[in-house]
Amino acid sequence: MAVLGIRVHPRDNVAVVAADVQADDVVRLDDGSEVRAVEAIPRGSKLALGPIACGEAVIRYGEEIGRATEDIAAGEYVHTHNLARD
């Protein structure tokens, strides 16, 4: 199943999912690129578009919204369990 992912700014390393996502669902961005979810992600939440290393900035809306507290793989759910807000 393909789900829409919204990447607001070209610098963003996360996208917001427009519907609930299950593990193995494909999230398709408006530029045609795709990321396979590795776990369930609730609608309106963030999905990593590529690997984000522990300590690296998480970028949404073209701005840093916090730092990864652990390594995050492409397709993982990005939230308070792996993101510390500055």
PDB file of N, CA and C in Angstrom:
ATOM      1  N   MET A   1       0.842  -1.180   0.000  1.00  0.00           N
ATOM      2  CA  MET A   1       0.000   0.000   0.000  1.00  0.00           C
ATOM      3  C   MET A   1       0.890   1.247   0.000  1.00  0.00           C
ATOM      4  N   ALA A   2       0.565   2.240  -0.793  1.00  0.00           N
ATOM      5  CA  ALA A   2       1.328   3.492  -0.821  1.00  0.00           C
ATOM      6  C   ALA A   2       0.554   4.564  -0.056  1.00  0.00           C
ATOM      7  N   VAL A   3       1.289   5.305   0.754  1.00  0.00           N
ATOM      8  CA  VAL A   3       0.736   6.379   1.572  1.00  0.00           C
ATOM      9  C   VAL A   3       1.478   7.657   1.205  1.00  0.00           C
ATOM     10  N   LEU A   4       0.784   8.772   1.226  1.00  0.00           N
ATOM     11  CA  LEU A   4       1.403  10.052   0.928  1.00  0.00           C
ATOM     12  C   LEU A   4       2.253  10.524   2.101  1.00  0.00           C
ATOM     13  N   GLY A   5       3.463  10.977   1.800  1.00  0.00           N
ATOM     14  CA  GLY A   5       4.329  11.615   2.777  1.00  0.00           C
ATOM     15  C   GLY A   5       4.563  13.056   2.350  1.00  0.00           C
ATOM     16  N   ILE A   6       4.515  13.981   3.280  1.00  0.00           N
ATOM     17  CA  ILE A   6       4.649  15.393   2.958  1.00  0.00           C
ATOM     18  C   ILE A   6       5.999  15.897   3.451  1.00  0.00           C
ATOM     19  N   ARG A   7       6.840  16.277   2.497  1.00  0.00           N
ATOM     20  CA  ARG A   7       8.144  16.875   2.781  1.00  0.00           C
ATOM     21  C   ARG A   7       7.995  18.360   2.462  1.00  0.00           C
ATOM     22  N   VAL A   8       8.038  19.191   3.486  1.00  0.00           N
ATOM     23  CA  VAL A   8       7.720  20.600   3.324  1.00  0.00           C
ATOM     24  C   VAL A   8       8.854  21.386   2.669  1.00  0.00           C
ATOM     25  N   HIS A   9      10.097  21.068   3.003  1.00  0.00           N
ATOM     26  CA  HIS A   9      11.247  21.850   2.546  1.00  0.00           C
ATOM     27  C   HIS A   9      12.306  20.883   2.004  1.00  0.00           C
ATOM     28  N   PRO A  10      13.037  21.274   0.985  1.00  0.00           N
ATOM     29  CA  PRO A  10      14.056  20.369   0.420  1.00  0.00           C
ATOM     30  C   PRO A  10      15.115  19.915   1.425  1.00  0.00           C
ATOM     31  N   ARG A  11      15.398  20.708   2.466  1.00  0.00           N
ATOM     32  CA  ARG A  11      16.390  20.317   3.484  1.00  0.00           C
ATOM     33  C   ARG A  11      15.862  19.266   4.456  1.00  0.00           C
ATOM     34  N   ASP A  12      14.553  19.092   4.534  1.00  0.00           N
ATOM     35  CA  ASP A  12      13.953  18.191   5.526  1.00  0.00           C
ATOM     36  C   ASP A  12      14.505  16.775   5.406  1.00  0.00           C
ATOM     37  N   ASN A  13      14.822  16.173   6.556  1.00  0.00           N
ATOM     38  CA  ASN A  13      15.222  14.763   6.554  1.00  0.00           C
ATOM     39  C   ASN A  13      14.134  13.883   7.155  1.00  0.00           C
ATOM     40  N   VAL A  14      12.956  14.483   7.371  1.00  0.00           N
ATOM     41  CA  VAL A  14      11.758  13.753   7.793  1.00  0.00           C
ATOM     42  C   VAL A  14      10.589  14.229   6.935  1.00  0.00           C
ATOM     43  N   ALA A  15       9.573  13.375   6.826  1.00  0.00           N
ATOM     44  CA  ALA A  15       8.320  13.736   6.158  1.00  0.00           C
ATOM     45  C   ALA A  15       7.184  13.415   7.116  1.00  0.00           C
ATOM     46  N   VAL A  16       6.078  14.091   6.962  1.00  0.00           N
ATOM     47  CA  VAL A  16       4.877  13.824   7.748  1.00  0.00           C
ATOM     48  C   VAL A  16       4.000  12.880   6.933  1.00  0.00           C
ATOM     49  N   VAL A  17       3.504  11.814   7.568  1.00  0.00           N
ATOM     50  CA  VAL A  17       2.651  10.863   6.856  1.00  0.00           C
ATOM     51  C   VAL A  17       1.197  11.315   6.948  1.00  0.00           C
ATOM     52  N   ALA A  18       0.500  11.228   5.815  1.00  0.00           N
ATOM     53  CA  ALA A  18      -0.870  11.731   5.718  1.00  0.00           C
ATOM     54  C   ALA A  18      -1.920  10.713   6.162  1.00  0.00           C
ATOM     55  N   ALA A  19      -1.505   9.499   6.435  1.00  0.00           N
ATOM     56  CA  ALA A  19      -2.407   8.447   6.901  1.00  0.00           C
ATOM     57  C   ALA A  19      -1.608   7.509   7.793  1.00  0.00           C
ATOM     58  N   ASP A  20      -2.312   6.693   8.578  1.00  0.00           N
ATOM     59  CA  ASP A  20      -1.618   5.689   9.381  1.00  0.00           C
ATOM     60  C   ASP A  20      -0.797   4.794   8.459  1.00  0.00           C
ATOM     61  N   VAL A  21       0.407   4.480   8.892  1.00  0.00           N
ATOM     62  CA  VAL A  21       1.326   3.652   8.114  1.00  0.00           C
ATOM     63  C   VAL A  21       1.624   2.386   8.911  1.00  0.00           C
ATOM     64  N   GLN A  22       1.665   1.275   8.218  1.00  0.00           N
ATOM     65  CA  GLN A  22       2.050  -0.001   8.822  1.00  0.00           C
ATOM     66  C   GLN A  22       3.455  -0.366   8.355  1.00  0.00           C
ATOM     67  N   ALA A  23       4.127  -1.222   9.096  1.00  0.00           N
ATOM     68  CA  ALA A  23       5.445  -1.705   8.670  1.00  0.00           C
ATOM     69  C   ALA A  23       5.330  -2.262   7.257  1.00  0.00           C
ATOM     70  N   ASP A  24       6.300  -1.953   6.424  1.00  0.00           N
ATOM     71  CA  ASP A  24       6.400  -2.378   5.024  1.00  0.00           C
ATOM     72  C   ASP A  24       5.547  -1.568   4.059  1.00  0.00           C
ATOM     73  N   ASP A  25       4.723  -0.619   4.554  1.00  0.00           N
ATOM     74  CA  ASP A  25       4.008   0.276   3.638  1.00  0.00           C
ATOM     75  C   ASP A  25       5.023   1.173   2.943  1.00  0.00           C
ATOM     76  N   VAL A  26       4.733   1.542   1.723  1.00  0.00           N
ATOM     77  CA  VAL A  26       5.551   2.481   0.973  1.00  0.00           C
ATOM     78  C   VAL A  26       4.974   3.877   1.177  1.00  0.00           C
ATOM     79  N   VAL A  27       5.836   4.824   1.539  1.00  0.00           N
ATOM     80  CA  VAL A  27       5.433   6.225   1.667  1.00  0.00           C
ATOM     81  C   VAL A  27       6.001   6.942   0.443  1.00  0.00           C
ATOM     82  N   ARG A  28       5.094   7.547  -0.337  1.00  0.00           N
ATOM     83  CA  ARG A  28       5.474   8.220  -1.574  1.00  0.00           C
ATOM     84  C   ARG A  28       5.419   9.729  -1.370  1.00  0.00           C
ATOM     85  N   LEU A  29       6.505  10.393  -1.704  1.00  0.00           N
ATOM     86  CA  LEU A  29       6.577  11.851  -1.602  1.00  0.00           C
ATOM     87  C   LEU A  29       6.139  12.478  -2.921  1.00  0.00           C
ATOM     88  N   ASP A  30       5.796  13.765  -2.871  1.00  0.00           N
ATOM     89  CA  ASP A  30       5.299  14.427  -4.082  1.00  0.00           C
ATOM     90  C   ASP A  30       6.349  14.543  -5.179  1.00  0.00           C
ATOM     91  N   ASP A  31       7.623  14.362  -4.852  1.00  0.00           N
ATOM     92  CA  ASP A  31       8.659  14.382  -5.890  1.00  0.00           C
ATOM     93  C   ASP A  31       8.828  13.009  -6.555  1.00  0.00           C
ATOM     94  N   GLY A  32       8.002  12.039  -6.138  1.00  0.00           N
ATOM     95  CA  GLY A  32       8.042  10.708  -6.723  1.00  0.00           C
ATOM     96  C   GLY A  32       8.931   9.726  -5.990  1.00  0.00           C
ATOM     97  N   SER A  33       9.757  10.211  -5.047  1.00  0.00           N
ATOM     98  CA  SER A  33      10.609   9.295  -4.288  1.00  0.00           C
ATOM     99  C   SER A  33       9.760   8.510  -3.284  1.00  0.00           C
ATOM    100  N   GLU A  34      10.294   7.394  -2.854  1.00  0.00           N
ATOM    101  CA  GLU A  34       9.576   6.512  -1.942  1.00  0.00           C
ATOM    102  C   GLU A  34      10.481   6.051  -0.811  1.00  0.00           C
ATOM    103  N   VAL A  35       9.871   5.822   0.348  1.00  0.00           N
ATOM    104  CA  VAL A  35      10.562   5.264   1.511  1.00  0.00           C
ATOM    105  C   VAL A  35       9.664   4.169   2.073  1.00  0.00           C
ATOM    106  N   ARG A  36      10.248   3.020   2.380  1.00  0.00           N
ATOM    107  CA  ARG A  36       9.471   1.925   2.975  1.00  0.00           C
ATOM    108  C   ARG A  36       9.517   2.060   4.492  1.00  0.00           C
ATOM    109  N   ALA A  37       8.352   2.087   5.119  1.00  0.00           N
ATOM    110  CA  ALA A  37       8.269   2.181   6.583  1.00  0.00           C
ATOM    111  C   ALA A  37       8.761   0.878   7.205  1.00  0.00           C
ATOM    112  N   VAL A  38       9.539   0.995   8.272  1.00  0.00           N
ATOM    113  CA  VAL A  38      10.032  -0.199   8.954  1.00  0.00           C
ATOM    114  C   VAL A  38       9.207  -0.518  10.193  1.00  0.00           C
ATOM    115  N   GLU A  39       8.274   0.377  10.527  1.00  0.00           N
ATOM    116  CA  GLU A  39       7.401   0.159  11.681  1.00  0.00           C
ATOM    117  C   GLU A  39       6.129   0.970  11.482  1.00  0.00           C
ATOM    118  N   ALA A  40       5.139   0.736  12.325  1.00  0.00           N
ATOM    119  CA  ALA A  40       3.897   1.499  12.262  1.00  0.00           C
ATOM    120  C   ALA A  40       4.157   2.955  12.665  1.00  0.00           C
ATOM    121  N   ILE A  41       3.514   3.868  11.948  1.00  0.00           N
ATOM    122  CA  ILE A  41       3.660   5.304  12.218  1.00  0.00           C
ATOM    123  C   ILE A  41       2.270   5.922  12.148  1.00  0.00           C
ATOM    124  N   PRO A  42       1.845   6.618  13.213  1.00  0.00           N
ATOM    125  CA  PRO A  42       0.510   7.219  13.195  1.00  0.00           C
ATOM    126  C   PRO A  42       0.416   8.410  12.238  1.00  0.00           C
ATOM    127  N   ARG A  43      -0.770   8.594  11.690  1.00  0.00           N
ATOM    128  CA  ARG A  43      -1.054   9.733  10.799  1.00  0.00           C
ATOM    129  C   ARG A  43      -0.623  11.041  11.463  1.00  0.00           C
ATOM    130  N   GLY A  44       0.029  11.894  10.686  1.00  0.00           N
ATOM    131  CA  GLY A  44       0.478  13.187  11.184  1.00  0.00           C
ATOM    132  C   GLY A  44       1.836  13.157  11.855  1.00  0.00           C
ATOM    133  N   SER A  45       2.449  11.984  11.914  1.00  0.00           N
ATOM    134  CA  SER A  45       3.757  11.834  12.569  1.00  0.00           C
ATOM    135  C   SER A  45       4.879  11.845  11.546  1.00  0.00           C
ATOM    136  N   LYS A  46       6.105  11.873  12.058  1.00  0.00           N
ATOM    137  CA  LYS A  46       7.289  12.002  11.212  1.00  0.00           C
ATOM    138  C   LYS A  46       7.916  10.651  10.887  1.00  0.00           C
ATOM    139  N   LEU A  47       8.373  10.543   9.637  1.00  0.00           N
ATOM    140  CA  LEU A  47       9.063   9.375   9.104  1.00  0.00           C
ATOM    141  C   LEU A  47      10.434   9.838   8.646  1.00  0.00           C
ATOM    142  N   ALA A  48      11.478   9.111   9.032  1.00  0.00           N
ATOM    143  CA  ALA A  48      12.834   9.440   8.571  1.00  0.00           C
ATOM    144  C   ALA A  48      12.952   9.113   7.090  1.00  0.00           C
ATOM    145  N   LEU A  49      13.441  10.079   6.317  1.00  0.00           N
ATOM    146  CA  LEU A  49      13.590   9.886   4.877  1.00  0.00           C
ATOM    147  C   LEU A  49      14.878   9.164   4.522  1.00  0.00           C
ATOM    148  N   GLY A  50      15.825   9.186   5.413  1.00  0.00           N
ATOM    149  CA  GLY A  50      17.109   8.514   5.239  1.00  0.00           C
ATOM    150  C   GLY A  50      17.686   8.298   6.621  1.00  0.00           C
ATOM    151  N   PRO A  51      18.845   7.695   6.722  1.00  0.00           N
ATOM    152  CA  PRO A  51      19.458   7.491   8.032  1.00  0.00           C
ATOM    153  C   PRO A  51      19.779   8.828   8.698  1.00  0.00           C
ATOM    154  N   ILE A  52      19.528   8.898  10.001  1.00  0.00           N
ATOM    155  CA  ILE A  52      19.865  10.072  10.815  1.00  0.00           C
ATOM    156  C   ILE A  52      20.713   9.540  11.974  1.00  0.00           C
ATOM    157  N   ALA A  53      21.951   9.992  12.045  1.00  0.00           N
ATOM    158  CA  ALA A  53      22.875   9.502  13.071  1.00  0.00           C
ATOM    159  C   ALA A  53      22.549  10.110  14.428  1.00  0.00           C
ATOM    160  N   CYS A  54      22.875   9.372  15.473  1.00  0.00           N
ATOM    161  CA  CYS A  54      22.716   9.881  16.837  1.00  0.00           C
ATOM    162  C   CYS A  54      23.451  11.220  16.952  1.00  0.00           C
ATOM    163  N   GLY A  55      22.768  12.231  17.456  1.00  0.00           N
ATOM    164  CA  GLY A  55      23.343  13.557  17.612  1.00  0.00           C
ATOM    165  C   GLY A  55      23.117  14.470  16.422  1.00  0.00           C
ATOM    166  N   GLU A  56      22.703  13.913  15.305  1.00  0.00           N
ATOM    167  CA  GLU A  56      22.467  14.708  14.097  1.00  0.00           C
ATOM    168  C   GLU A  56      21.151  15.481  14.219  1.00  0.00           C
ATOM    169  N   ALA A  57      21.099  16.636  13.569  1.00  0.00           N
ATOM    170  CA  ALA A  57      19.890  17.457  13.571  1.00  0.00           C
ATOM    171  C   ALA A  57      18.768  16.772  12.801  1.00  0.00           C
ATOM    172  N   VAL A  58      17.555  16.867  13.346  1.00  0.00           N
ATOM    173  CA  VAL A  58      16.349  16.456  12.640  1.00  0.00           C
ATOM    174  C   VAL A  58      15.760  17.738  12.056  1.00  0.00           C
ATOM    175  N   ILE A  59      15.538  17.738  10.748  1.00  0.00           N
ATOM    176  CA  ILE A  59      15.114  18.939  10.031  1.00  0.00           C
ATOM    177  C   ILE A  59      13.680  18.761   9.527  1.00  0.00           C
ATOM    178  N   ARG A  60      12.818  19.716   9.891  1.00  0.00           N
ATOM    179  CA  ARG A  60      11.429  19.762   9.424  1.00  0.00           C
ATOM    180  C   ARG A  60      11.113  21.221   9.129  1.00  0.00           C
ATOM    181  N   TYR A  61      10.390  21.487   8.064  1.00  0.00           N
ATOM    182  CA  TYR A  61      10.101  22.867   7.629  1.00  0.00           C
ATOM    183  C   TYR A  61      11.392  23.630   7.327  1.00  0.00           C
ATOM    184  N   GLY A  62      12.466  22.906   7.004  1.00  0.00           N
ATOM    185  CA  GLY A  62      13.743  23.527   6.713  1.00  0.00           C
ATOM    186  C   GLY A  62      14.500  24.000   7.934  1.00  0.00           C
ATOM    187  N   GLU A  63      13.997  23.699   9.126  1.00  0.00           N
ATOM    188  CA  GLU A  63      14.594  24.149  10.384  1.00  0.00           C
ATOM    189  C   GLU A  63      14.896  22.955  11.292  1.00  0.00           C
ATOM    190  N   GLU A  64      15.919  23.107  12.108  1.00  0.00           N
ATOM    191  CA  GLU A  64      16.234  22.067  13.084  1.00  0.00           C
ATOM    192  C   GLU A  64      15.158  22.052  14.167  1.00  0.00           C
ATOM    193  N   ILE A  65      14.564  20.877  14.402  1.00  0.00           N
ATOM    194  CA  ILE A  65      13.546  20.759  15.448  1.00  0.00           C
ATOM    195  C   ILE A  65      14.058  19.976  16.656  1.00  0.00           C
ATOM    196  N   GLY A  66      15.277  19.482  16.571  1.00  0.00           N
ATOM    197  CA  GLY A  66      15.878  18.723  17.657  1.00  0.00           C
ATOM    198  C   GLY A  66      17.005  17.867  17.119  1.00  0.00           C
ATOM    199  N   ARG A  67      17.474  16.971  17.975  1.00  0.00           N
ATOM    200  CA  ARG A  67      18.584  16.080  17.605  1.00  0.00           C
ATOM    201  C   ARG A  67      18.191  14.636  17.893  1.00  0.00           C
ATOM    202  N   ALA A  68      18.695  13.754  17.055  1.00  0.00           N
ATOM    203  CA  ALA A  68      18.448  12.328  17.247  1.00  0.00           C
ATOM    204  C   ALA A  68      19.169  11.857  18.504  1.00  0.00           C
ATOM    205  N   THR A  69      18.476  11.125  19.358  1.00  0.00           N
ATOM    206  CA  THR A  69      19.075  10.591  20.584  1.00  0.00           C
ATOM    207  C   THR A  69      19.624   9.181  20.377  1.00  0.00           C
ATOM    208  N   GLU A  70      19.420   8.642  19.188  1.00  0.00           N
ATOM    209  CA  GLU A  70      19.947   7.334  18.794  1.00  0.00           C
ATOM    210  C   GLU A  70      19.982   7.318  17.273  1.00  0.00           C
ATOM    211  N   ASP A  71      20.661   6.354  16.704  1.00  0.00           N
ATOM    212  CA  ASP A  71      20.648   6.218  15.249  1.00  0.00           C
ATOM    213  C   ASP A  71      19.227   5.893  14.799  1.00  0.00           C
ATOM    214  N   ILE A  72      18.791   6.567  13.745  1.00  0.00           N
ATOM    215  CA  ILE A  72      17.452   6.368  13.200  1.00  0.00           C
ATOM    216  C   ILE A  72      17.616   5.916  11.751  1.00  0.00           C
ATOM    217  N   ALA A  73      17.001   4.797  11.416  1.00  0.00           N
ATOM    218  CA  ALA A  73      17.090   4.263  10.049  1.00  0.00           C
ATOM    219  C   ALA A  73      16.038   4.908   9.158  1.00  0.00           C
ATOM    220  N   ALA A  74      16.305   4.900   7.869  1.00  0.00           N
ATOM    221  CA  ALA A  74      15.293   5.351   6.906  1.00  0.00           C
ATOM    222  C   ALA A  74      14.020   4.544   7.120  1.00  0.00           C
ATOM    223  N   GLY A  75      12.881   5.225   7.144  1.00  0.00           N
ATOM    224  CA  GLY A  75      11.596   4.548   7.318  1.00  0.00           C
ATOM    225  C   GLY A  75      11.153   4.391   8.761  1.00  0.00           C
ATOM    226  N   GLU A  76      11.976   4.838   9.716  1.00  0.00           N
ATOM    227  CA  GLU A  76      11.584   4.739  11.130  1.00  0.00           C
ATOM    228  C   GLU A  76      10.727   5.922  11.551  1.00  0.00           C
ATOM    229  N   TYR A  77       9.940   5.683  12.576  1.00  0.00           N
ATOM    230  CA  TYR A  77       9.110   6.683  13.232  1.00  0.00           C
ATOM    231  C   TYR A  77      10.033   7.603  14.025  1.00  0.00           C
ATOM    232  N   VAL A  78       9.899   8.910  13.834  1.00  0.00           N
ATOM    233  CA  VAL A  78      10.703   9.896  14.554  1.00  0.00           C
ATOM    234  C   VAL A  78       9.777  10.613  15.533  1.00  0.00           C
ATOM    235  N   HIS A  79      10.074  10.473  16.818  1.00  0.00           N
ATOM    236  CA  HIS A  79       9.218  11.055  17.866  1.00  0.00           C
ATOM    237  C   HIS A  79      10.051  11.185  19.139  1.00  0.00           C
ATOM    238  N   THR A  80       9.407  11.411  20.257  1.00  0.00           N
ATOM    239  CA  THR A  80      10.116  11.678  21.519  1.00  0.00           C
ATOM    240  C   THR A  80      10.995  10.521  21.982  1.00  0.00           C
ATOM    241  N   HIS A  81      10.767   9.309  21.522  1.00  0.00           N
ATOM    242  CA  HIS A  81      11.600   8.172  21.933  1.00  0.00           C
ATOM    243  C   HIS A  81      12.984   8.210  21.280  1.00  0.00           C
ATOM    244  N   ASN A  82      13.143   8.990  20.193  1.00  0.00           N
ATOM    245  CA  ASN A  82      14.448   9.065  19.529  1.00  0.00           C
ATOM    246  C   ASN A  82      14.813  10.494  19.071  1.00  0.00           C
ATOM    247  N   LEU A  83      14.120  11.480  19.630  1.00  0.00           N
ATOM    248  CA  LEU A  83      14.327  12.879  19.270  1.00  0.00           C
ATOM    249  C   LEU A  83      14.284  13.740  20.532  1.00  0.00           C
ATOM    250  N   ALA A  84      15.311  14.530  20.745  1.00  0.00           N
ATOM    251  CA  ALA A  84      15.327  15.499  21.856  1.00  0.00           C
ATOM    252  C   ALA A  84      15.217  16.883  21.249  1.00  0.00           C
ATOM    253  N   ARG A  85      14.240  17.610  21.687  1.00  0.00           N
ATOM    254  CA  ARG A  85      14.051  18.971  21.183  1.00  0.00           C
ATOM    255  C   ARG A  85      15.025  19.910  21.888  1.00  0.00           C
ATOM    256  N   ASP A  86      15.544  20.851  21.118  1.00  0.00           N
ATOM    257  CA  ASP A  86      16.484  21.828  21.666  1.00  0.00           C
ATOM    258  C   ASP A  86      15.778  22.846  22.550  1.00  0.00           C
TER     259      ASP A  86
END
